[in-house]
Amino acid sequence: MNQHRAVLCLLPAFAVGAGIAVPACAATKYVLPHLAVYRGATATAKVNAFAAWIHRPGIWAEDFMDDSSWGSIANPNWQTVPWGKWAKARPGRRLILSVTLLPGPWNGSGPMAGTIAVKKPVSLKDGAAGAYNNYFKSLAENLVAHGLGNSILRLGWEFNGGWYAWRAGGSPRAFAAYWRQIVKTMRAVHGGQHLQFCWNPSVGYLQFPAEEAWPGRKYVNYIGLDIYDQCWLKGTYPWPKNATSAQILARQKRAWNKKLMRGNHGIAYWIIFAKRHHRPLAVPEWGVDNRSDGHGGMDDPYFIKQMYKFMANPANHVAWDSYFEFRAPDGDHQISPGLGHYKTEFPKSAAEFQKLFGGRRPRRAGRPRRF
């Protein structure tokens, strides 16, 4: 057993308005945040399989809302029904839901499906004025009705990038005002007071300084960072075809130290930001990466180990994290066998993940107990 995990401590959820507090755990150097996983849309069975793989049955689940219509935001029964049943099946389970802020294409032309305001342009400015509050009132009512009133909501995740209709570059104040409208609306619903909200940029500078879209700590429970093992710095990824193991590791270390941790708006920046605003951190998406353009770190146990050190260090106040266990179009991140016998591209990373983030293996029946 890893000497830093002689005792496993889990960080509790932070209440609205609470200060940062970390439970004492004298027998261990590190404190693991609560682990969640994304395994695909309403993939309850796959989440359970991942939990079994790492021997942590109490893990949480993450999912993403559909962005095709206002109806899919207001009443996402196709998601809330199965996740509600999953949450009720075991105490302590929780849903982390990535919430679409503006439906429809990237250009803001509005939803292309459904029966509500089809092809009517959408904007952060209109959201800031309260034009869309009723949709989020319905969403809160839906979550509560299906036993998901304690969900964590990633409103408009990765807003500092340029790839979503709700991207905040050029209108960060409108994004922040829209955020406040949504939070106030959802908390006002009976049972909605237990919903929590994760303000979630992607790590790095990207399109603009994300802090310009900060809505105020009164409206935020967690500050989330999406972190993948990818880098475009010179001397990192991709590496030459004839690179040695030592040369590859040197590039992986450079990517972590110069970009992910200490780069412009890297992890170190957000640790300080979160402490200044008295809010715990979270890592709603993270994973190894085999990007087709070569800018991923591939099978990188060093990245897994550094993420563990960052997240499990009590001084950094990371409350929870969610591994992105998915083979996405832009890169593979899957490290587990899934429901079958999938052979991961990242065997060294998978072994490191199990060692650092896994729980105790159950004792087999009839096996003699060691003292």
Protein backbone atom coordinates (compact mmCIF):
# COMPACT_ATOMS: atom_id res chain seq x y z
CA MET A 1 0.00 0.00 0.00
CA ASN A 2 1.23 3.49 -0.85
CA GLN A 3 2.64 5.04 2.31
CA HIS A 4 0.76 8.31 1.69
CA ARG A 5 -2.59 6.53 1.73
CA ALA A 6 -2.42 4.60 4.97
CA VAL A 7 -5.70 6.31 5.79
CA LEU A 8 -8.14 7.55 3.15
CA CYS A 9 -9.89 10.82 3.95
CA LEU A 10 -12.59 12.37 1.79
CA LEU A 11 -13.26 16.08 1.61
CA PRO A 12 -16.88 17.02 2.41
CA ALA A 13 -18.95 19.31 0.22
CA PHE A 14 -18.54 22.99 1.09
CA ALA A 15 -21.74 24.84 1.96
CA VAL A 16 -22.70 28.12 0.39
CA GLY A 17 -20.88 30.92 2.13
CA ALA A 18 -18.66 28.57 4.11
CA GLY A 19 -14.99 29.23 4.57
CA ILE A 20 -12.37 26.71 3.50
CA ALA A 21 -11.84 23.97 6.05
CA VAL A 22 -9.92 20.73 5.64
CA PRO A 23 -10.53 17.76 7.95
CA ALA A 24 -7.58 16.64 10.02
CA CYS A 25 -6.03 13.34 9.02
CA ALA A 26 -2.92 12.87 11.11
CA ALA A 27 -2.04 9.44 9.72
CA THR A 28 -1.62 10.54 6.10
CA LYS A 29 0.27 13.17 4.17
CA TYR A 30 -2.37 13.57 1.48
CA VAL A 31 -6.15 13.94 1.52
CA LEU A 32 -7.97 12.54 -1.51
CA PRO A 33 -10.78 14.71 -2.87
CA HIS A 34 -14.05 12.96 -3.67
CA LEU A 35 -13.71 11.17 -6.99
CA ALA A 36 -16.21 11.31 -9.85
CA VAL A 37 -16.05 10.00 -13.41
CA TYR A 38 -17.51 10.79 -16.82
CA ARG A 39 -18.24 7.64 -18.87
CA GLY A 40 -20.69 8.95 -21.47
CA ALA A 41 -24.28 10.13 -21.61
CA THR A 42 -26.43 8.55 -18.84
CA ALA A 43 -23.80 5.80 -18.60
CA THR A 44 -24.84 4.55 -15.16
CA ALA A 45 -23.58 0.99 -15.74
CA LYS A 46 -20.22 2.24 -17.00
CA VAL A 47 -19.82 4.49 -13.95
CA ASN A 48 -20.46 1.47 -11.72
CA ALA A 49 -17.92 -0.56 -13.70
CA PHE A 50 -15.30 2.15 -13.23
CA ALA A 51 -16.06 2.27 -9.50
CA ALA A 52 -15.54 -1.49 -9.30
CA TRP A 53 -12.27 -1.23 -11.26
CA ILE A 54 -10.76 1.14 -8.70
CA HIS A 55 -12.55 -0.39 -5.69
CA ARG A 56 -14.33 2.83 -4.71
CA PRO A 57 -18.08 2.12 -4.84
CA GLY A 58 -19.08 5.58 -3.62
CA ILE A 59 -17.77 7.60 -6.55
CA TRP A 60 -19.91 10.32 -8.10
CA ALA A 61 -20.95 10.66 -11.75
CA GLU A 62 -20.67 13.43 -14.30
CA ASP A 63 -22.78 14.12 -17.38
CA PHE A 64 -23.31 16.82 -20.02
CA MET A 65 -26.61 18.39 -21.04
CA ASP A 66 -27.84 18.45 -24.62
CA ASP A 67 -27.46 21.82 -26.36
CA SER A 68 -30.06 21.44 -29.10
CA SER A 69 -33.07 23.21 -27.53
CA TRP A 70 -34.42 25.13 -24.57
CA GLY A 71 -36.62 22.14 -23.79
CA SER A 72 -33.60 19.91 -23.37
CA ILE A 73 -32.31 22.37 -20.76
CA ALA A 74 -35.59 22.93 -18.93
CA ASN A 75 -36.76 19.31 -18.82
CA PRO A 76 -33.92 16.85 -19.44
CA ASN A 77 -35.91 13.80 -18.34
CA TRP A 78 -33.80 11.49 -20.50
CA GLN A 79 -30.95 12.30 -18.11
CA THR A 80 -32.59 13.03 -14.77
CA VAL A 81 -34.70 9.86 -14.69
CA PRO A 82 -31.80 7.36 -14.98
CA TRP A 83 -29.43 9.43 -12.87
CA GLY A 84 -32.10 9.85 -10.20
CA LYS A 85 -32.52 6.07 -10.00
CA TRP A 86 -28.73 5.63 -9.89
CA ALA A 87 -28.35 8.18 -7.07
CA LYS A 88 -31.11 6.58 -4.99
CA ALA A 89 -29.60 3.09 -5.35
CA ARG A 90 -26.65 3.87 -3.05
CA PRO A 91 -26.29 6.50 -0.30
CA GLY A 92 -23.71 9.19 -0.98
CA ARG A 93 -23.96 9.18 -4.76
CA ARG A 94 -24.07 12.56 -6.44
CA LEU A 95 -24.45 13.95 -9.95
CA ILE A 96 -22.19 16.60 -11.46
CA LEU A 97 -24.09 18.09 -14.39
CA SER A 98 -22.55 20.28 -17.09
CA VAL A 99 -25.30 22.79 -17.90
CA THR A 100 -25.76 24.38 -21.31
CA LEU A 101 -26.30 28.15 -21.05
CA LEU A 102 -27.23 28.96 -24.65
CA PRO A 103 -28.65 26.25 -26.93
CA GLY A 104 -27.94 26.02 -30.63
CA PRO A 105 -24.90 26.53 -32.86
CA TRP A 106 -21.68 28.28 -31.98
CA ASN A 107 -22.76 31.50 -33.75
CA GLY A 108 -25.63 32.18 -31.32
CA SER A 109 -28.34 31.73 -33.95
CA GLY A 110 -30.44 29.86 -31.40
CA PRO A 111 -31.91 26.39 -30.98
CA MET A 112 -32.46 24.37 -34.14
CA ALA A 113 -34.77 21.84 -32.48
CA GLY A 114 -37.67 21.70 -30.05
CA THR A 115 -40.78 23.84 -29.88
CA ILE A 116 -39.52 26.84 -27.87
CA ALA A 117 -37.98 29.90 -29.57
CA VAL A 118 -36.64 27.84 -32.46
CA LYS A 119 -34.06 29.75 -34.55
CA LYS A 120 -34.44 32.76 -32.29
CA PRO A 121 -30.95 34.18 -31.60
CA VAL A 122 -29.58 33.78 -28.09
CA SER A 123 -27.07 35.89 -26.17
CA LEU A 124 -25.38 36.31 -22.82
CA LYS A 125 -26.77 39.85 -22.75
CA ASP A 126 -30.36 38.57 -22.84
CA GLY A 127 -29.51 35.98 -20.21
CA ALA A 128 -28.08 38.73 -18.00
CA ALA A 129 -31.41 40.57 -18.30
CA GLY A 130 -33.27 37.51 -17.03
CA ALA A 131 -34.83 36.46 -20.35
CA TYR A 132 -34.08 32.78 -19.81
CA ASN A 133 -34.74 32.40 -16.09
CA ASN A 134 -37.86 30.28 -16.53
CA TYR A 135 -35.89 27.53 -18.27
CA PHE A 136 -33.55 27.23 -15.32
CA LYS A 137 -36.42 27.36 -12.85
CA SER A 138 -37.85 24.33 -14.66
CA LEU A 139 -34.44 22.62 -14.58
CA ALA A 140 -34.16 23.08 -10.82
CA GLU A 141 -37.68 21.71 -10.33
CA ASN A 142 -36.84 18.73 -12.52
CA LEU A 143 -33.65 17.93 -10.59
CA VAL A 144 -35.40 18.15 -7.24
CA ALA A 145 -38.31 16.01 -8.45
CA HIS A 146 -35.95 13.22 -9.45
CA GLY A 147 -33.96 13.20 -6.21
CA LEU A 148 -31.04 15.18 -7.65
CA GLY A 149 -31.47 18.32 -5.59
CA ASN A 150 -27.91 18.06 -4.27
CA SER A 151 -26.32 18.04 -7.72
CA ILE A 152 -23.28 20.14 -8.60
CA LEU A 153 -23.91 22.24 -11.71
CA ARG A 154 -21.16 23.37 -14.07
CA LEU A 155 -22.93 26.35 -15.62
CA GLY A 156 -21.43 27.21 -19.00
CA TRP A 157 -18.24 25.23 -18.48
CA GLU A 158 -15.01 26.26 -20.27
CA PHE A 159 -16.43 29.72 -20.96
CA ASN A 160 -12.90 31.13 -21.41
CA GLY A 161 -12.46 29.06 -24.57
CA GLY A 162 -13.88 29.90 -27.95
CA TRP A 163 -15.80 26.73 -28.78
CA TYR A 164 -19.23 27.15 -27.15
CA ALA A 165 -22.16 29.48 -27.85
CA TRP A 166 -21.78 30.86 -24.30
CA ARG A 167 -18.10 31.76 -24.71
CA ALA A 168 -17.48 34.86 -22.62
CA GLY A 169 -14.67 36.48 -24.58
CA GLY A 170 -15.81 40.04 -25.34
CA SER A 171 -18.69 39.91 -22.86
CA PRO A 172 -17.38 38.64 -19.51
CA ARG A 173 -19.61 40.97 -17.49
CA ALA A 174 -22.69 39.67 -19.26
CA PHE A 175 -21.59 36.10 -18.54
CA ALA A 176 -21.17 36.92 -14.85
CA ALA A 177 -24.55 38.66 -14.69
CA TYR A 178 -26.25 35.76 -16.48
CA TRP A 179 -24.62 33.36 -14.01
CA ARG A 180 -26.07 35.32 -11.08
CA GLN A 181 -29.53 35.27 -12.66
CA ILE A 182 -29.39 31.47 -12.99
CA VAL A 183 -28.08 30.81 -9.48
CA LYS A 184 -30.65 33.07 -7.84
CA THR A 185 -33.44 31.50 -9.89
CA MET A 186 -32.49 27.90 -9.14
CA ARG A 187 -31.84 28.47 -5.45
CA ALA A 188 -35.30 30.04 -5.10
CA VAL A 189 -36.99 26.79 -6.15
CA HIS A 190 -38.28 24.68 -3.24
CA GLY A 191 -35.49 22.13 -2.65
CA GLY A 192 -33.12 24.03 -4.92
CA GLN A 193 -31.24 25.54 -2.00
CA HIS A 194 -29.09 22.40 -1.87
CA LEU A 195 -27.89 22.70 -5.46
CA GLN A 196 -24.26 23.77 -5.77
CA PHE A 197 -22.55 25.66 -8.56
CA CYS A 198 -19.10 25.22 -10.07
CA TRP A 199 -17.59 28.19 -11.93
CA ASN A 200 -15.44 26.32 -14.40
CA PRO A 201 -12.83 27.78 -16.77
CA SER A 202 -10.33 25.60 -18.56
CA VAL A 203 -6.79 25.89 -17.20
CA GLY A 204 -4.62 28.35 -19.12
CA TYR A 205 -5.18 31.81 -20.57
CA LEU A 206 -7.13 30.87 -23.76
CA GLN A 207 -9.38 33.69 -25.13
CA PHE A 208 -9.31 36.17 -22.23
CA PRO A 209 -8.51 36.34 -18.48
CA ALA A 210 -11.26 34.14 -17.03
CA GLU A 211 -11.39 36.08 -13.76
CA GLU A 212 -13.05 38.95 -15.67
CA ALA A 213 -16.17 36.74 -15.74
CA TRP A 214 -16.15 36.06 -11.98
CA PRO A 215 -19.74 36.39 -10.68
CA GLY A 216 -18.82 36.81 -7.02
CA ARG A 217 -18.26 34.15 -4.36
CA LYS A 218 -21.85 34.48 -3.09
CA TYR A 219 -22.92 32.71 -6.29
CA VAL A 220 -20.14 30.11 -6.47
CA ASN A 221 -19.53 26.95 -4.43
CA TYR A 222 -16.48 25.63 -6.30
CA ILE A 223 -13.87 26.99 -8.68
CA GLY A 224 -13.33 24.26 -11.26
CA LEU A 225 -10.38 23.67 -13.58
CA ASP A 226 -10.40 21.40 -16.64
CA ILE A 227 -6.91 19.95 -17.05
CA TYR A 228 -5.70 17.61 -19.78
CA ASP A 229 -2.19 16.40 -20.52
CA GLN A 230 -1.76 18.49 -23.66
CA CYS A 231 0.70 21.21 -24.53
CA TRP A 232 1.91 23.35 -27.42
CA LEU A 233 5.05 24.77 -25.80
CA LYS A 234 8.27 24.29 -27.72
CA GLY A 235 10.18 21.30 -26.42
CA THR A 236 7.10 19.45 -25.20
CA TYR A 237 4.62 17.72 -27.52
CA PRO A 238 4.92 16.13 -29.99
CA TRP A 239 8.30 14.52 -29.52
CA PRO A 240 10.54 13.08 -32.27
CA LYS A 241 9.82 9.53 -33.41
CA ASN A 242 13.23 8.38 -32.23
CA ALA A 243 12.95 10.01 -28.76
CA THR A 244 14.18 7.90 -25.86
CA SER A 245 12.14 7.23 -22.72
CA ALA A 246 14.25 9.76 -20.84
CA GLN A 247 13.72 12.41 -23.52
CA ILE A 248 9.96 11.81 -23.52
CA LEU A 249 9.79 12.09 -19.73
CA ALA A 250 11.76 15.36 -19.90
CA ARG A 251 9.15 16.75 -22.30
CA GLN A 252 6.28 15.54 -20.11
CA LYS A 253 7.85 17.24 -17.10
CA ARG A 254 8.32 20.46 -19.07
CA ALA A 255 4.66 20.41 -20.13
CA TRP A 256 3.57 20.05 -16.52
CA ASN A 257 5.94 22.54 -14.94
CA LYS A 258 6.06 25.24 -17.60
CA LYS A 259 2.50 25.12 -18.88
CA LEU A 260 -0.05 23.28 -16.75
CA MET A 261 1.25 24.22 -13.31
CA ARG A 262 3.17 27.49 -13.73
CA GLY A 263 2.07 28.75 -17.13
CA ASN A 264 -0.14 31.79 -17.74
CA HIS A 265 -3.31 31.13 -15.70
CA GLY A 266 -1.99 27.70 -14.84
CA ILE A 267 -2.88 25.66 -11.77
CA ALA A 268 -0.66 27.72 -9.46
CA TYR A 269 -2.53 30.90 -10.43
CA TRP A 270 -5.91 29.37 -9.65
CA ILE A 271 -4.77 27.99 -6.29
CA ILE A 272 -4.05 31.57 -5.21
CA PHE A 273 -7.27 32.88 -6.80
CA ALA A 274 -9.41 30.30 -4.97
CA LYS A 275 -7.81 31.09 -1.61
CA ARG A 276 -8.31 34.80 -2.17
CA HIS A 277 -12.02 34.26 -2.80
CA HIS A 278 -12.44 31.67 -0.03
CA ARG A 279 -13.73 28.92 -2.28
CA PRO A 280 -12.46 25.35 -2.68
CA LEU A 281 -11.11 24.12 -5.98
CA ALA A 282 -12.48 21.25 -8.06
CA VAL A 283 -11.22 19.50 -11.20
CA PRO A 284 -14.37 18.68 -13.22
CA GLU A 285 -12.44 17.22 -16.17
CA TRP A 286 -8.95 15.77 -16.31
CA GLY A 287 -7.14 12.99 -18.10
CA VAL A 288 -4.23 11.67 -20.09
CA ASP A 289 -4.44 12.39 -23.81
CA ASN A 290 -3.40 10.93 -27.17
CA ARG A 291 -4.39 13.87 -29.37
CA SER A 292 -4.30 13.06 -33.07
CA ASP A 293 -2.21 16.18 -33.71
CA GLY A 294 0.52 14.88 -31.40
CA HIS A 295 0.08 17.52 -28.70
CA GLY A 296 -0.94 15.04 -26.00
CA GLY A 297 1.35 13.42 -23.46
CA MET A 298 0.25 9.88 -24.38
CA ASP A 299 0.85 7.21 -21.69
CA ASP A 300 2.08 9.56 -18.97
CA PRO A 301 2.16 8.22 -15.40
CA TYR A 302 4.14 11.35 -14.46
CA PHE A 303 1.03 13.44 -15.24
CA ILE A 304 -1.14 11.13 -13.12
CA LYS A 305 1.30 11.41 -10.22
CA GLN A 306 1.49 15.21 -10.43
CA MET A 307 -2.29 15.53 -10.57
CA TYR A 308 -2.50 13.36 -7.47
CA LYS A 309 0.05 15.51 -5.63
CA PHE A 310 -1.79 18.69 -6.59
CA MET A 311 -5.31 17.49 -5.79
CA ALA A 312 -4.53 15.48 -2.66
CA ASN A 313 -2.42 18.18 -1.02
CA PRO A 314 -4.71 19.67 1.70
CA ALA A 315 -3.08 23.07 1.23
CA ASN A 316 -4.68 23.33 -2.21
CA HIS A 317 -8.26 22.71 -0.95
CA VAL A 318 -9.46 20.53 -3.83
CA ALA A 319 -12.90 19.24 -2.85
CA TRP A 320 -13.60 16.84 -5.73
CA ASP A 321 -12.39 15.80 -9.15
CA SER A 322 -13.83 13.93 -12.11
CA TYR A 323 -11.72 11.79 -14.44
CA PHE A 324 -12.78 12.09 -18.10
CA GLU A 325 -12.91 8.36 -18.84
CA PHE A 326 -13.97 8.65 -22.44
CA ARG A 327 -12.72 8.12 -25.99
CA ALA A 328 -13.61 11.54 -27.39
CA PRO A 329 -13.29 12.56 -31.07
CA ASP A 330 -10.35 14.83 -30.29
CA GLY A 331 -8.49 12.35 -28.11
CA ASP A 332 -8.69 9.16 -26.09
CA HIS A 333 -8.56 9.32 -22.29
CA GLN A 334 -9.87 5.90 -21.24
CA ILE A 335 -7.73 3.97 -18.78
CA SER A 336 -10.12 1.26 -17.55
CA PRO A 337 -11.45 -1.88 -19.30
CA GLY A 338 -14.95 -0.38 -19.31
CA LEU A 339 -17.77 -2.92 -19.39
CA GLY A 340 -15.70 -5.47 -21.28
CA HIS A 341 -12.08 -6.08 -22.11
CA TYR A 342 -11.04 -2.79 -23.69
CA LYS A 343 -7.26 -2.56 -23.83
CA THR A 344 -6.21 0.93 -22.87
CA GLU A 345 -3.55 2.88 -24.76
CA PHE A 346 -2.27 4.08 -21.38
CA PRO A 347 -1.32 0.98 -19.32
CA LYS A 348 1.33 2.74 -17.21
CA SER A 349 -1.02 5.63 -16.45
CA ALA A 350 -3.80 3.19 -15.59
CA ALA A 351 -1.58 1.35 -13.11
CA GLU A 352 -0.50 4.63 -11.51
CA PHE A 353 -4.11 5.80 -11.28
CA GLN A 354 -5.19 2.59 -9.56
CA LYS A 355 -2.29 2.79 -7.12
CA LEU A 356 -2.89 6.42 -6.14
CA PHE A 357 -6.67 6.85 -6.47
CA GLY A 358 -7.95 3.31 -5.89
CA GLY A 359 -9.49 1.98 -2.71
CA ARG A 360 -8.85 -1.25 -0.87
CA ARG A 361 -9.48 -4.46 -2.75
CA PRO A 362 -12.22 -6.54 -1.11
CA ARG A 363 -10.98 -9.65 0.71
CA ARG A 364 -11.92 -12.83 -1.12
CA ALA A 365 -14.25 -15.26 0.68
CA GLY A 366 -12.31 -17.98 2.43
CA ARG A 367 -9.01 -16.17 2.12
CA PRO A 368 -7.09 -16.25 5.42
CA ARG A 369 -6.78 -12.91 7.13
CA ARG A 370 -3.25 -11.61 7.66
CA PHE A 371 -2.24 -10.03 10.93
